[in-house]
């Protein structure tokens, strides 16, 4: 009887862990690239009305990514962008990115464009 309970608990733990597995390797690589891209020197990230340098933005988005992964909410790079890199979960204000003297653009547009470039390069 005790052995049956142990086996059942072990099976539950294995299936529970599998249900919340990290995204596939390709998705992880795409998101890692996007996080690194946000940290590009000369680029800034606007969050809740304040501009932050790239490395700080990368750290913030990485924390959001980790949070989403723990809740099994990242199925692909697009889901990460939509759920974690588009707007503040606190204020609902959209994130913005600007590089050099360029115009600020919505982070969702910036990241989707970079994802398309990354995928096009990977396809070659």
PDB file of N, CA and C in Angstrom:
ATOM      1  N   UNK A   1       0.826  -1.195   0.000  1.00  0.00           N
ATOM      2  CA  UNK A   1       0.000   0.000   0.000  1.00  0.00           C
ATOM      3  C   UNK A   1       0.873   1.262   0.000  1.00  0.00           C
ATOM      4  N   UNK A   2       1.877   1.289   0.879  1.00  0.00           N
ATOM      5  CA  UNK A   2       2.781   2.422   0.952  1.00  0.00           C
ATOM      6  C   UNK A   2       3.556   2.567  -0.356  1.00  0.00           C
ATOM      7  N   UNK A   3       3.953   1.449  -0.923  1.00  0.00           N
ATOM      8  CA  UNK A   3       4.668   1.469  -2.188  1.00  0.00           C
ATOM      9  C   UNK A   3       3.788   2.018  -3.305  1.00  0.00           C
ATOM     10  N   UNK A   4       2.505   1.684  -3.313  1.00  0.00           N
ATOM     11  CA  UNK A   4       1.570   2.206  -4.313  1.00  0.00           C
ATOM     12  C   UNK A   4       1.440   3.719  -4.198  1.00  0.00           C
ATOM     13  N   UNK A   5       1.360   4.208  -2.968  1.00  0.00           N
ATOM     14  CA  UNK A   5       1.253   5.665  -2.767  1.00  0.00           C
ATOM     15  C   UNK A   5       2.529   6.365  -3.232  1.00  0.00           C
ATOM     16  N   UNK A   6       3.674   5.776  -2.908  1.00  0.00           N
ATOM     17  CA  UNK A   6       4.946   6.349  -3.333  1.00  0.00           C
ATOM     18  C   UNK A   6       5.029   6.393  -4.857  1.00  0.00           C
ATOM     19  N   UNK A   7       4.661   5.306  -5.498  1.00  0.00           N
ATOM     20  CA  UNK A   7       4.691   5.247  -6.967  1.00  0.00           C
ATOM     21  C   UNK A   7       3.749   6.279  -7.559  1.00  0.00           C
ATOM     22  N   UNK A   8       2.573   6.407  -6.994  1.00  0.00           N
ATOM     23  CA  UNK A   8       1.606   7.390  -7.490  1.00  0.00           C
ATOM     24  C   UNK A   8       2.148   8.806  -7.307  1.00  0.00           C
ATOM     25  N   UNK A   9       2.760   9.075  -6.158  1.00  0.00           N
ATOM     26  CA  UNK A   9       3.329  10.403  -5.918  1.00  0.00           C
ATOM     27  C   UNK A   9       4.475  10.688  -6.876  1.00  0.00           C
ATOM     28  N   UNK A  10       5.301   9.688  -7.131  1.00  0.00           N
ATOM     29  CA  UNK A  10       6.414   9.853  -8.062  1.00  0.00           C
ATOM     30  C   UNK A  10       5.912  10.126  -9.478  1.00  0.00           C
ATOM     31  N   UNK A  11       4.916   9.388  -9.918  1.00  0.00           N
ATOM     32  CA  UNK A  11       4.333   9.619 -11.247  1.00  0.00           C
ATOM     33  C   UNK A  11       3.727  11.007 -11.343  1.00  0.00           C
ATOM     34  N   UNK A  12       3.033  11.428 -10.302  1.00  0.00           N
ATOM     35  CA  UNK A  12       2.442  12.769 -10.294  1.00  0.00           C
ATOM     36  C   UNK A  12       3.535  13.826 -10.432  1.00  0.00           C
ATOM     37  N   UNK A  13       4.618  13.669  -9.680  1.00  0.00           N
ATOM     38  CA  UNK A  13       5.717  14.632  -9.728  1.00  0.00           C
ATOM     39  C   UNK A  13       6.339  14.687 -11.115  1.00  0.00           C
ATOM     40  N   UNK A  14       6.531  13.532 -11.735  1.00  0.00           N
ATOM     41  CA  UNK A  14       7.126  13.491 -13.073  1.00  0.00           C
ATOM     42  C   UNK A  14       6.216  14.170 -14.089  1.00  0.00           C
ATOM     43  N   UNK A  15       4.943  13.840 -14.076  1.00  0.00           N
ATOM     44  CA  UNK A  15       4.012  14.445 -15.028  1.00  0.00           C
ATOM     45  C   UNK A  15       3.811  15.921 -14.752  1.00  0.00           C
ATOM     46  N   UNK A  16       3.783  16.310 -13.490  1.00  0.00           N
ATOM     47  CA  UNK A  16       3.626  17.719 -13.134  1.00  0.00           C
ATOM     48  C   UNK A  16       4.826  18.522 -13.632  1.00  0.00           C
ATOM     49  N   UNK A  17       6.033  18.001 -13.451  1.00  0.00           N
ATOM     50  CA  UNK A  17       7.234  18.690 -13.918  1.00  0.00           C
ATOM     51  C   UNK A  17       7.236  18.795 -15.437  1.00  0.00           C
ATOM     52  N   UNK A  18       6.805  17.754 -16.115  1.00  0.00           N
ATOM     53  CA  UNK A  18       6.776  17.773 -17.580  1.00  0.00           C
ATOM     54  C   UNK A  18       5.763  18.786 -18.099  1.00  0.00           C
ATOM     55  N   UNK A  19       4.683  18.978 -17.375  1.00  0.00           N
ATOM     56  CA  UNK A  19       3.648  19.914 -17.807  1.00  0.00           C
ATOM     57  C   UNK A  19       4.151  21.352 -17.791  1.00  0.00           C
ATOM     58  N   UNK A  20       5.162  21.635 -16.978  1.00  0.00           N
ATOM     59  CA  UNK A  20       5.684  22.985 -16.880  1.00  0.00           C
ATOM     60  C   UNK A  20       7.131  23.051 -17.340  1.00  0.00           C
ATOM     61  N   UNK A  21       7.415  22.358 -18.404  1.00  0.00           N
ATOM     62  CA  UNK A  21       8.768  22.319 -18.946  1.00  0.00           C
ATOM     63  C   UNK A  21       9.100  23.651 -19.615  1.00  0.00           C
ATOM     64  N   UNK A  22      10.383  23.928 -19.711  1.00  0.00           N
ATOM     65  CA  UNK A  22      10.852  25.129 -20.394  1.00  0.00           C
ATOM     66  C   UNK A  22      10.481  25.044 -21.870  1.00  0.00           C
ATOM     67  N   UNK A  23      10.397  26.190 -22.531  1.00  0.00           N
ATOM     68  CA  UNK A  23      10.120  26.174 -23.973  1.00  0.00           C
ATOM     69  C   UNK A  23      11.192  25.388 -24.720  1.00  0.00           C
ATOM     70  N   UNK A  24      10.876  24.966 -25.942  1.00  0.00           N
ATOM     71  CA  UNK A  24      11.836  24.200 -26.734  1.00  0.00           C
ATOM     72  C   UNK A  24      13.082  25.036 -27.006  1.00  0.00           C
ATOM     73  N   UNK A  25      14.151  24.354 -27.355  1.00  0.00           N
ATOM     74  CA  UNK A  25      15.459  25.000 -27.525  1.00  0.00           C
ATOM     75  C   UNK A  25      15.425  26.141 -28.542  1.00  0.00           C
ATOM     76  N   UNK A  26      14.720  25.959 -29.640  1.00  0.00           N
ATOM     77  CA  UNK A  26      14.641  27.014 -30.662  1.00  0.00           C
ATOM     78  C   UNK A  26      14.012  28.274 -30.082  1.00  0.00           C
ATOM     79  N   UNK A  27      12.950  28.113 -29.326  1.00  0.00           N
ATOM     80  CA  UNK A  27      12.280  29.253 -28.701  1.00  0.00           C
ATOM     81  C   UNK A  27      13.200  29.917 -27.690  1.00  0.00           C
ATOM     82  N   UNK A  28      13.893  29.116 -26.892  1.00  0.00           N
ATOM     83  CA  UNK A  28      14.825  29.676 -25.913  1.00  0.00           C
ATOM     84  C   UNK A  28      15.915  30.494 -26.607  1.00  0.00           C
ATOM     85  N   UNK A  29      16.423  29.995 -27.725  1.00  0.00           N
ATOM     86  CA  UNK A  29      17.468  30.712 -28.472  1.00  0.00           C
ATOM     87  C   UNK A  29      16.934  32.024 -29.034  1.00  0.00           C
ATOM     88  N   UNK A  30      15.721  32.004 -29.556  1.00  0.00           N
ATOM     89  CA  UNK A  30      15.125  33.237 -30.093  1.00  0.00           C
ATOM     90  C   UNK A  30      14.935  34.274 -28.995  1.00  0.00           C
ATOM     91  N   UNK A  31      14.444  33.839 -27.847  1.00  0.00           N
ATOM     92  CA  UNK A  31      14.205  34.786 -26.751  1.00  0.00           C
ATOM     93  C   UNK A  31      15.528  35.291 -26.191  1.00  0.00           C
ATOM     94  N   UNK A  32      16.519  34.436 -26.081  1.00  0.00           N
ATOM     95  CA  UNK A  32      17.846  34.876 -25.629  1.00  0.00           C
ATOM     96  C   UNK A  32      18.389  35.942 -26.572  1.00  0.00           C
ATOM     97  N   UNK A  33      18.194  35.736 -27.872  1.00  0.00           N
ATOM     98  CA  UNK A  33      18.639  36.740 -28.851  1.00  0.00           C
ATOM     99  C   UNK A  33      17.897  38.062 -28.642  1.00  0.00           C
ATOM    100  N   UNK A  34      16.595  38.002 -28.439  1.00  0.00           N
ATOM    101  CA  UNK A  34      15.819  39.227 -28.228  1.00  0.00           C
ATOM    102  C   UNK A  34      16.265  39.954 -26.964  1.00  0.00           C
ATOM    103  N   UNK A  35      16.510  39.210 -25.907  1.00  0.00           N
ATOM    104  CA  UNK A  35      16.978  39.834 -24.666  1.00  0.00           C
ATOM    105  C   UNK A  35      18.332  40.510 -24.877  1.00  0.00           C
ATOM    106  N   UNK A  36      19.225  39.839 -25.595  1.00  0.00           N
ATOM    107  CA  UNK A  36      20.528  40.432 -25.885  1.00  0.00           C
ATOM    108  C   UNK A  36      20.388  41.655 -26.789  1.00  0.00           C
ATOM    109  N   UNK A  37      19.456  41.592 -27.712  1.00  0.00           N
ATOM    110  CA  UNK A  37      19.256  42.697 -28.647  1.00  0.00           C
ATOM    111  C   UNK A  37      18.767  43.955 -27.923  1.00  0.00           C
ATOM    112  N   UNK A  38      17.940  43.781 -26.917  1.00  0.00           N
ATOM    113  CA  UNK A  38      17.452  44.926 -26.133  1.00  0.00           C
ATOM    114  C   UNK A  38      18.622  45.632 -25.452  1.00  0.00           C
ATOM    115  N   UNK A  39      19.661  44.882 -25.128  1.00  0.00           N
ATOM    116  CA  UNK A  39      20.829  45.443 -24.433  1.00  0.00           C
ATOM    117  C   UNK A  39      21.855  46.058 -25.375  1.00  0.00           C
ATOM    118  N   UNK A  40      21.510  46.218 -26.648  1.00  0.00           N
ATOM    119  CA  UNK A  40      22.418  46.807 -27.626  1.00  0.00           C
ATOM    120  C   UNK A  40      22.901  48.177 -27.147  1.00  0.00           C
ATOM    121  N   UNK A  41      24.228  48.401 -27.163  1.00  0.00           N
ATOM    122  CA  UNK A  41      24.732  49.720 -26.757  1.00  0.00           C
ATOM    123  C   UNK A  41      24.094  50.837 -27.575  1.00  0.00           C
ATOM    124  N   UNK A  42      23.729  51.900 -26.895  1.00  0.00           N
ATOM    125  CA  UNK A  42      23.104  53.040 -27.559  1.00  0.00           C
ATOM    126  C   UNK A  42      21.594  52.966 -27.609  1.00  0.00           C
ATOM    127  N   UNK A  43      21.037  51.852 -27.164  1.00  0.00           N
ATOM    128  CA  UNK A  43      19.577  51.718 -27.142  1.00  0.00           C
ATOM    129  C   UNK A  43      19.069  51.924 -25.719  1.00  0.00           C
ATOM    130  N   UNK A  44      17.875  52.477 -25.635  1.00  0.00           N
ATOM    131  CA  UNK A  44      17.233  52.701 -24.346  1.00  0.00           C
ATOM    132  C   UNK A  44      15.831  52.109 -24.370  1.00  0.00           C
ATOM    133  N   UNK A  45      15.352  51.804 -23.194  1.00  0.00           N
ATOM    134  CA  UNK A  45      14.065  51.128 -23.018  1.00  0.00           C
ATOM    135  C   UNK A  45      13.230  51.959 -22.050  1.00  0.00           C
ATOM    136  N   UNK A  46      12.018  52.315 -22.471  1.00  0.00           N
ATOM    137  CA  UNK A  46      11.140  53.119 -21.625  1.00  0.00           C
ATOM    138  C   UNK A  46      10.133  52.218 -20.943  1.00  0.00           C
ATOM    139  N   UNK A  47      10.146  52.312 -19.617  1.00  0.00           N
ATOM    140  CA  UNK A  47       9.224  51.529 -18.800  1.00  0.00           C
ATOM    141  C   UNK A  47       8.588  52.479 -17.799  1.00  0.00           C
ATOM    142  N   UNK A  48       7.271  52.593 -17.864  1.00  0.00           N
ATOM    143  CA  UNK A  48       6.511  53.445 -16.948  1.00  0.00           C
ATOM    144  C   UNK A  48       6.999  54.889 -16.928  1.00  0.00           C
ATOM    145  N   UNK A  49       7.359  55.403 -18.112  1.00  0.00           N
ATOM    146  CA  UNK A  49       7.737  56.806 -18.242  1.00  0.00           C
ATOM    147  C   UNK A  49       9.194  57.120 -17.982  1.00  0.00           C
ATOM    148  N   UNK A  50      10.000  56.115 -17.634  1.00  0.00           N
ATOM    149  CA  UNK A  50      11.422  56.340 -17.374  1.00  0.00           C
ATOM    150  C   UNK A  50      12.263  55.554 -18.375  1.00  0.00           C
ATOM    151  N   UNK A  51      13.328  56.204 -18.857  1.00  0.00           N
ATOM    152  CA  UNK A  51      14.229  55.558 -19.796  1.00  0.00           C
ATOM    153  C   UNK A  51      15.314  54.808 -19.037  1.00  0.00           C
ATOM    154  N   UNK A  52      15.615  53.598 -19.505  1.00  0.00           N
ATOM    155  CA  UNK A  52      16.613  52.735 -18.892  1.00  0.00           C
ATOM    156  C   UNK A  52      17.581  52.274 -19.969  1.00  0.00           C
ATOM    157  N   UNK A  53      18.838  52.117 -19.587  1.00  0.00           N
ATOM    158  CA  UNK A  53      19.842  51.615 -20.521  1.00  0.00           C
ATOM    159  C   UNK A  53      19.563  50.145 -20.830  1.00  0.00           C
ATOM    160  N   UNK A  54      20.092  49.681 -21.947  1.00  0.00           N
ATOM    161  CA  UNK A  54      19.839  48.336 -22.429  1.00  0.00           C
ATOM    162  C   UNK A  54      20.061  47.206 -21.433  1.00  0.00           C
ATOM    163  N   UNK A  55      21.205  47.179 -20.736  1.00  0.00           N
ATOM    164  CA  UNK A  55      21.424  46.071 -19.789  1.00  0.00           C
ATOM    165  C   UNK A  55      20.363  46.009 -18.680  1.00  0.00           C
ATOM    166  N   UNK A  56      19.914  47.148 -18.217  1.00  0.00           N
ATOM    167  CA  UNK A  56      18.859  47.165 -17.196  1.00  0.00           C
ATOM    168  C   UNK A  56      17.547  46.652 -17.778  1.00  0.00           C
ATOM    169  N   UNK A  57      17.258  47.037 -19.012  1.00  0.00           N
ATOM    170  CA  UNK A  57      16.046  46.559 -19.684  1.00  0.00           C
ATOM    171  C   UNK A  57      16.112  45.051 -19.877  1.00  0.00           C
ATOM    172  N   UNK A  58      17.287  44.551 -20.282  1.00  0.00           N
ATOM    173  CA  UNK A  58      17.461  43.115 -20.471  1.00  0.00           C
ATOM    174  C   UNK A  58      17.182  42.370 -19.172  1.00  0.00           C
ATOM    175  N   UNK A  59      17.715  42.861 -18.079  1.00  0.00           N
ATOM    176  CA  UNK A  59      17.527  42.224 -16.779  1.00  0.00           C
ATOM    177  C   UNK A  59      16.043  42.191 -16.396  1.00  0.00           C
ATOM    178  N   UNK A  60      15.366  43.296 -16.617  1.00  0.00           N
ATOM    179  CA  UNK A  60      13.935  43.371 -16.298  1.00  0.00           C
ATOM    180  C   UNK A  60      13.136  42.370 -17.136  1.00  0.00           C
ATOM    181  N   UNK A  61      13.392  42.339 -18.436  1.00  0.00           N
ATOM    182  CA  UNK A  61      12.656  41.426 -19.311  1.00  0.00           C
ATOM    183  C   UNK A  61      13.006  39.970 -19.027  1.00  0.00           C
ATOM    184  N   UNK A  62      14.235  39.702 -18.621  1.00  0.00           N
ATOM    185  CA  UNK A  62      14.627  38.341 -18.258  1.00  0.00           C
ATOM    186  C   UNK A  62      13.859  37.879 -17.020  1.00  0.00           C
ATOM    187  N   UNK A  63      13.674  38.760 -16.055  1.00  0.00           N
ATOM    188  CA  UNK A  63      12.882  38.424 -14.868  1.00  0.00           C
ATOM    189  C   UNK A  63      11.443  38.109 -15.265  1.00  0.00           C
ATOM    190  N   UNK A  64      10.900  38.888 -16.186  1.00  0.00           N
ATOM    191  CA  UNK A  64       9.530  38.632 -16.641  1.00  0.00           C
ATOM    192  C   UNK A  64       9.458  37.304 -17.399  1.00  0.00           C
ATOM    193  N   UNK A  65      10.469  37.027 -18.210  1.00  0.00           N
ATOM    194  CA  UNK A  65      10.524  35.755 -18.933  1.00  0.00           C
ATOM    195  C   UNK A  65      10.538  34.586 -17.947  1.00  0.00           C
ATOM    196  N   UNK A  66      11.412  34.660 -16.952  1.00  0.00           N
ATOM    197  CA  UNK A  66      11.507  33.586 -15.960  1.00  0.00           C
ATOM    198  C   UNK A  66      10.170  33.379 -15.242  1.00  0.00           C
ATOM    199  N   UNK A  67       9.508  34.459 -14.911  1.00  0.00           N
ATOM    200  CA  UNK A  67       8.200  34.396 -14.261  1.00  0.00           C
ATOM    201  C   UNK A  67       7.183  33.674 -15.157  1.00  0.00           C
ATOM    202  N   UNK A  68       7.168  34.034 -16.431  1.00  0.00           N
ATOM    203  CA  UNK A  68       6.228  33.425 -17.375  1.00  0.00           C
ATOM    204  C   UNK A  68       6.527  31.947 -17.604  1.00  0.00           C
ATOM    205  N   UNK A  69       7.801  31.597 -17.683  1.00  0.00           N
ATOM    206  CA  UNK A  69       8.180  30.197 -17.888  1.00  0.00           C
ATOM    207  C   UNK A  69       7.714  29.348 -16.711  1.00  0.00           C
ATOM    208  N   UNK A  70       7.877  29.856 -15.505  1.00  0.00           N
ATOM    209  CA  UNK A  70       7.448  29.105 -14.311  1.00  0.00           C
ATOM    210  C   UNK A  70       5.951  28.843 -14.320  1.00  0.00           C
ATOM    211  N   UNK A  71       5.213  29.658 -15.026  1.00  0.00           N
ATOM    212  CA  UNK A  71       3.759  29.502 -15.100  1.00  0.00           C
ATOM    213  C   UNK A  71       3.321  28.875 -16.417  1.00  0.00           C
ATOM    214  N   UNK A  72       4.302  28.364 -17.182  1.00  0.00           N
ATOM    215  CA  UNK A  72       4.048  27.697 -18.458  1.00  0.00           C
ATOM    216  C   UNK A  72       3.292  28.597 -19.436  1.00  0.00           C
ATOM    217  N   UNK A  73       3.684  29.879 -19.482  1.00  0.00           N
ATOM    218  CA  UNK A  73       2.996  30.853 -20.329  1.00  0.00           C
ATOM    219  C   UNK A  73       3.803  31.271 -21.554  1.00  0.00           C
ATOM    220  N   UNK A  74       4.949  30.614 -21.787  1.00  0.00           N
ATOM    221  CA  UNK A  74       5.759  30.930 -22.971  1.00  0.00           C
ATOM    222  C   UNK A  74       5.775  29.698 -23.867  1.00  0.00           C
ATOM    223  N   UNK A  75       5.075  29.799 -24.980  1.00  0.00           N
ATOM    224  CA  UNK A  75       5.048  28.691 -25.938  1.00  0.00           C
ATOM    225  C   UNK A  75       5.952  28.962 -27.139  1.00  0.00           C
ATOM    226  N   UNK A  76       6.213  30.240 -27.402  1.00  0.00           N
ATOM    227  CA  UNK A  76       7.085  30.645 -28.504  1.00  0.00           C
ATOM    228  C   UNK A  76       7.534  32.080 -28.238  1.00  0.00           C
ATOM    229  N   UNK A  77       8.392  32.609 -29.100  1.00  0.00           N
ATOM    230  CA  UNK A  77       8.912  33.966 -28.899  1.00  0.00           C
ATOM    231  C   UNK A  77       7.793  35.002 -28.940  1.00  0.00           C
ATOM    232  N   UNK A  78       6.817  34.770 -29.792  1.00  0.00           N
ATOM    233  CA  UNK A  78       5.695  35.722 -29.887  1.00  0.00           C
ATOM    234  C   UNK A  78       4.911  35.789 -28.580  1.00  0.00           C
ATOM    235  N   UNK A  79       4.736  34.653 -27.921  1.00  0.00           N
ATOM    236  CA  UNK A  79       3.996  34.680 -26.659  1.00  0.00           C
ATOM    237  C   UNK A  79       4.788  35.420 -25.586  1.00  0.00           C
ATOM    238  N   UNK A  80       6.122  35.297 -25.622  1.00  0.00           N
ATOM    239  CA  UNK A  80       6.940  36.072 -24.688  1.00  0.00           C
ATOM    240  C   UNK A  80       6.780  37.564 -24.956  1.00  0.00           C
ATOM    241  N   UNK A  81       6.850  37.958 -26.214  1.00  0.00           N
ATOM    242  CA  UNK A  81       6.705  39.376 -26.554  1.00  0.00           C
ATOM    243  C   UNK A  81       5.348  39.886 -26.076  1.00  0.00           C
ATOM    244  N   UNK A  82       4.291  39.157 -26.398  1.00  0.00           N
ATOM    245  CA  UNK A  82       2.940  39.599 -26.046  1.00  0.00           C
ATOM    246  C   UNK A  82       2.706  39.660 -24.538  1.00  0.00           C
ATOM    247  N   UNK A  83       3.187  38.654 -23.820  1.00  0.00           N
ATOM    248  CA  UNK A  83       2.883  38.563 -22.389  1.00  0.00           C
ATOM    249  C   UNK A  83       3.890  39.260 -21.484  1.00  0.00           C
ATOM    250  N   UNK A  84       5.120  39.438 -21.975  1.00  0.00           N
ATOM    251  CA  UNK A  84       6.132  39.974 -21.086  1.00  0.00           C
ATOM    252  C   UNK A  84       6.903  41.178 -21.562  1.00  0.00           C
ATOM    253  N   UNK A  85       6.894  41.457 -22.854  1.00  0.00           N
ATOM    254  CA  UNK A  85       7.769  42.504 -23.381  1.00  0.00           C
ATOM    255  C   UNK A  85       7.037  43.607 -24.132  1.00  0.00           C
ATOM    256  N   UNK A  86       5.737  43.702 -23.935  1.00  0.00           N
ATOM    257  CA  UNK A  86       4.943  44.696 -24.650  1.00  0.00           C
ATOM    258  C   UNK A  86       4.539  45.879 -23.773  1.00  0.00           C
ATOM    259  N   UNK A  87       4.182  45.577 -22.532  1.00  0.00           N
ATOM    260  CA  UNK A  87       3.706  46.634 -21.638  1.00  0.00           C
ATOM    261  C   UNK A  87       3.988  46.268 -20.192  1.00  0.00           C
ATOM    262  N   UNK A  88       3.917  47.274 -19.348  1.00  0.00           N
ATOM    263  CA  UNK A  88       4.110  47.066 -17.925  1.00  0.00           C
ATOM    264  C   UNK A  88       2.930  46.298 -17.349  1.00  0.00           C
ATOM    265  N   UNK A  89       3.223  45.246 -16.618  1.00  0.00           N
ATOM    266  CA  UNK A  89       2.145  44.495 -15.978  1.00  0.00           C
ATOM    267  C   UNK A  89       1.595  45.266 -14.779  1.00  0.00           C
ATOM    268  N   UNK A  90       2.329  46.266 -14.308  1.00  0.00           N
ATOM    269  CA  UNK A  90       1.877  47.081 -13.175  1.00  0.00           C
ATOM    270  C   UNK A  90       0.964  48.214 -13.628  1.00  0.00           C
ATOM    271  N   UNK A  91       1.405  48.961 -14.633  1.00  0.00           N
ATOM    272  CA  UNK A  91       0.656  50.156 -15.049  1.00  0.00           C
ATOM    273  C   UNK A  91      -0.142  49.964 -16.331  1.00  0.00           C
ATOM    274  N   UNK A  92       0.232  48.965 -17.131  1.00  0.00           N
ATOM    275  CA  UNK A  92      -0.414  48.769 -18.419  1.00  0.00           C
ATOM    276  C   UNK A  92       0.137  49.680 -19.513  1.00  0.00           C
ATOM    277  N   UNK A  93       1.112  50.529 -19.168  1.00  0.00           N
ATOM    278  CA  UNK A  93       1.707  51.425 -20.162  1.00  0.00           C
ATOM    279  C   UNK A  93       2.605  50.626 -21.100  1.00  0.00           C
ATOM    280  N   UNK A  94       2.544  50.946 -22.397  1.00  0.00           N
ATOM    281  CA  UNK A  94       3.392  50.213 -23.352  1.00  0.00           C
ATOM    282  C   UNK A  94       4.866  50.542 -23.140  1.00  0.00           C
ATOM    283  N   UNK A  95       5.701  49.541 -23.385  1.00  0.00           N
ATOM    284  CA  UNK A  95       7.146  49.744 -23.373  1.00  0.00           C
ATOM    285  C   UNK A  95       7.553  50.359 -24.708  1.00  0.00           C
ATOM    286  N   UNK A  96       8.597  51.185 -24.669  1.00  0.00           N
ATOM    287  CA  UNK A  96       9.141  51.815 -25.870  1.00  0.00           C
ATOM    288  C   UNK A  96      10.634  51.547 -25.943  1.00  0.00           C
ATOM    289  N   UNK A  97      11.163  51.560 -27.165  1.00  0.00           N
ATOM    290  CA  UNK A  97      12.593  51.387 -27.390  1.00  0.00           C
ATOM    291  C   UNK A  97      13.045  52.470 -28.350  1.00  0.00           C
ATOM    292  N   UNK A  98      14.225  53.029 -28.070  1.00  0.00           N
ATOM    293  CA  UNK A  98      14.842  53.946 -29.042  1.00  0.00           C
ATOM    294  C   UNK A  98      16.331  53.694 -29.041  1.00  0.00           C
ATOM    295  N   UNK A  99      16.910  53.784 -30.221  1.00  0.00           N
ATOM    296  CA  UNK A  99      18.335  53.546 -30.381  1.00  0.00           C
ATOM    297  C   UNK A  99      18.981  54.767 -31.024  1.00  0.00           C
ATOM    298  N   UNK A 100      20.103  55.189 -30.442  1.00  0.00           N
ATOM    299  CA  UNK A 100      20.792  56.363 -30.952  1.00  0.00           C
ATOM    300  C   UNK A 100      19.872  57.567 -30.918  1.00  0.00           C
ATOM    301  N   UNK A 101      19.854  58.300 -31.999  1.00  0.00           N
ATOM    302  CA  UNK A 101      18.975  59.465 -32.100  1.00  0.00           C
ATOM    303  C   UNK A 101      17.656  59.133 -32.748  1.00  0.00           C
ATOM    304  N   UNK A 102      17.362  57.850 -32.902  1.00  0.00           N
ATOM    305  CA  UNK A 102      16.134  57.420 -33.571  1.00  0.00           C
ATOM    306  C   UNK A 102      14.885  57.698 -32.758  1.00  0.00           C
ATOM    307  N   UNK A 103      13.794  57.544 -33.426  1.00  0.00           N
ATOM    308  CA  UNK A 103      12.476  57.748 -32.832  1.00  0.00           C
ATOM    309  C   UNK A 103      12.116  56.548 -31.948  1.00  0.00           C
ATOM    310  N   UNK A 104      11.426  56.818 -30.863  1.00  0.00           N
ATOM    311  CA  UNK A 104      10.961  55.741 -29.981  1.00  0.00           C
ATOM    312  C   UNK A 104       9.858  54.953 -30.691  1.00  0.00           C
ATOM    313  N   UNK A 105       9.948  53.625 -30.579  1.00  0.00           N
ATOM    314  CA  UNK A 105       8.937  52.738 -31.154  1.00  0.00           C
ATOM    315  C   UNK A 105       8.443  51.784 -30.080  1.00  0.00           C
ATOM    316  N   UNK A 106       7.263  51.267 -30.275  1.00  0.00           N
ATOM    317  CA  UNK A 106       6.704  50.289 -29.343  1.00  0.00           C
ATOM    318  C   UNK A 106       7.628  49.079 -29.283  1.00  0.00           C
ATOM    319  N   UNK A 107       7.886  48.587 -28.082  1.00  0.00           N
ATOM    320  CA  UNK A 107       8.791  47.444 -27.943  1.00  0.00           C
ATOM    321  C   UNK A 107       8.285  46.222 -28.692  1.00  0.00           C
ATOM    322  N   UNK A 108       6.973  46.055 -28.754  1.00  0.00           N
ATOM    323  CA  UNK A 108       6.424  44.900 -29.475  1.00  0.00           C
ATOM    324  C   UNK A 108       6.826  44.944 -30.946  1.00  0.00           C
ATOM    325  N   UNK A 109       6.749  46.111 -31.561  1.00  0.00           N
ATOM    326  CA  UNK A 109       7.138  46.274 -32.965  1.00  0.00           C
ATOM    327  C   UNK A 109       8.639  46.038 -33.112  1.00  0.00           C
ATOM    328  N   UNK A 110       9.408  46.648 -32.249  1.00  0.00           N
ATOM    329  CA  UNK A 110      10.869  46.526 -32.269  1.00  0.00           C
ATOM    330  C   UNK A 110      11.292  45.062 -32.153  1.00  0.00           C
ATOM    331  N   UNK A 111      10.710  44.343 -31.201  1.00  0.00           N
ATOM    332  CA  UNK A 111      11.091  42.950 -30.975  1.00  0.00           C
ATOM    333  C   UNK A 111      10.584  42.016 -32.070  1.00  0.00           C
ATOM    334  N   UNK A 112       9.383  42.248 -32.570  1.00  0.00           N
ATOM    335  CA  UNK A 112       8.869  41.415 -33.667  1.00  0.00           C
ATOM    336  C   UNK A 112       9.713  41.602 -34.925  1.00  0.00           C
ATOM    337  N   UNK A 113      10.113  42.841 -35.193  1.00  0.00           N
ATOM    338  CA  UNK A 113      10.975  43.095 -36.357  1.00  0.00           C
ATOM    339  C   UNK A 113      12.319  42.378 -36.202  1.00  0.00           C
ATOM    340  N   UNK A 114      12.892  42.448 -35.009  1.00  0.00           N
ATOM    341  CA  UNK A 114      14.170  41.779 -34.777  1.00  0.00           C
ATOM    342  C   UNK A 114      14.024  40.265 -34.832  1.00  0.00           C
ATOM    343  N   UNK A 115      12.922  39.743 -34.337  1.00  0.00           N
ATOM    344  CA  UNK A 115      12.675  38.308 -34.408  1.00  0.00           C
ATOM    345  C   UNK A 115      12.602  37.849 -35.865  1.00  0.00           C
ATOM    346  N   UNK A 116      11.941  38.620 -36.705  1.00  0.00           N
ATOM    347  CA  UNK A 116      11.854  38.280 -38.131  1.00  0.00           C
ATOM    348  C   UNK A 116      13.243  38.295 -38.768  1.00  0.00           C
ATOM    349  N   UNK A 117      14.072  39.293 -38.427  1.00  0.00           N
ATOM    350  CA  UNK A 117      15.448  39.358 -38.967  1.00  0.00           C
ATOM    351  C   UNK A 117      16.269  38.157 -38.489  1.00  0.00           C
ATOM    352  N   UNK A 118      16.119  37.824 -37.223  1.00  0.00           N
ATOM    353  CA  UNK A 118      16.861  36.694 -36.647  1.00  0.00           C
ATOM    354  C   UNK A 118      16.462  35.387 -37.331  1.00  0.00           C
ATOM    355  N   UNK A 119      15.174  35.193 -37.514  1.00  0.00           N
ATOM    356  CA  UNK A 119      14.707  33.967 -38.160  1.00  0.00           C
ATOM    357  C   UNK A 119      15.146  33.894 -39.613  1.00  0.00           C
ATOM    358  N   UNK A 120      15.124  35.027 -40.299  1.00  0.00           N
ATOM    359  CA  UNK A 120      15.564  35.056 -41.703  1.00  0.00           C
ATOM    360  C   UNK A 120      17.043  34.689 -41.794  1.00  0.00           C
ATOM    361  N   UNK A 121      17.854  35.173 -40.869  1.00  0.00           N
ATOM    362  CA  UNK A 121      19.270  34.841 -40.848  1.00  0.00           C
ATOM    363  C   UNK A 121      19.511  33.384 -40.512  1.00  0.00           C
ATOM    364  N   UNK A 122      18.685  32.832 -39.650  1.00  0.00           N
ATOM    365  CA  UNK A 122      18.823  31.427 -39.258  1.00  0.00           C
ATOM    366  C   UNK A 122      18.400  30.485 -40.381  1.00  0.00           C
ATOM    367  N   UNK A 123      17.526  30.974 -41.257  1.00  0.00           N
ATOM    368  CA  UNK A 123      17.014  30.136 -42.350  1.00  0.00           C
ATOM    369  C   UNK A 123      18.046  30.002 -43.472  1.00  0.00           C
ATOM    370  N   UNK A 124      19.035  30.879 -43.492  1.00  0.00           N
ATOM    371  CA  UNK A 124      20.028  30.857 -44.584  1.00  0.00           C
ATOM    372  C   UNK A 124      21.028  29.764 -44.398  1.00  0.00           C
TER     373      UNK A 124
END
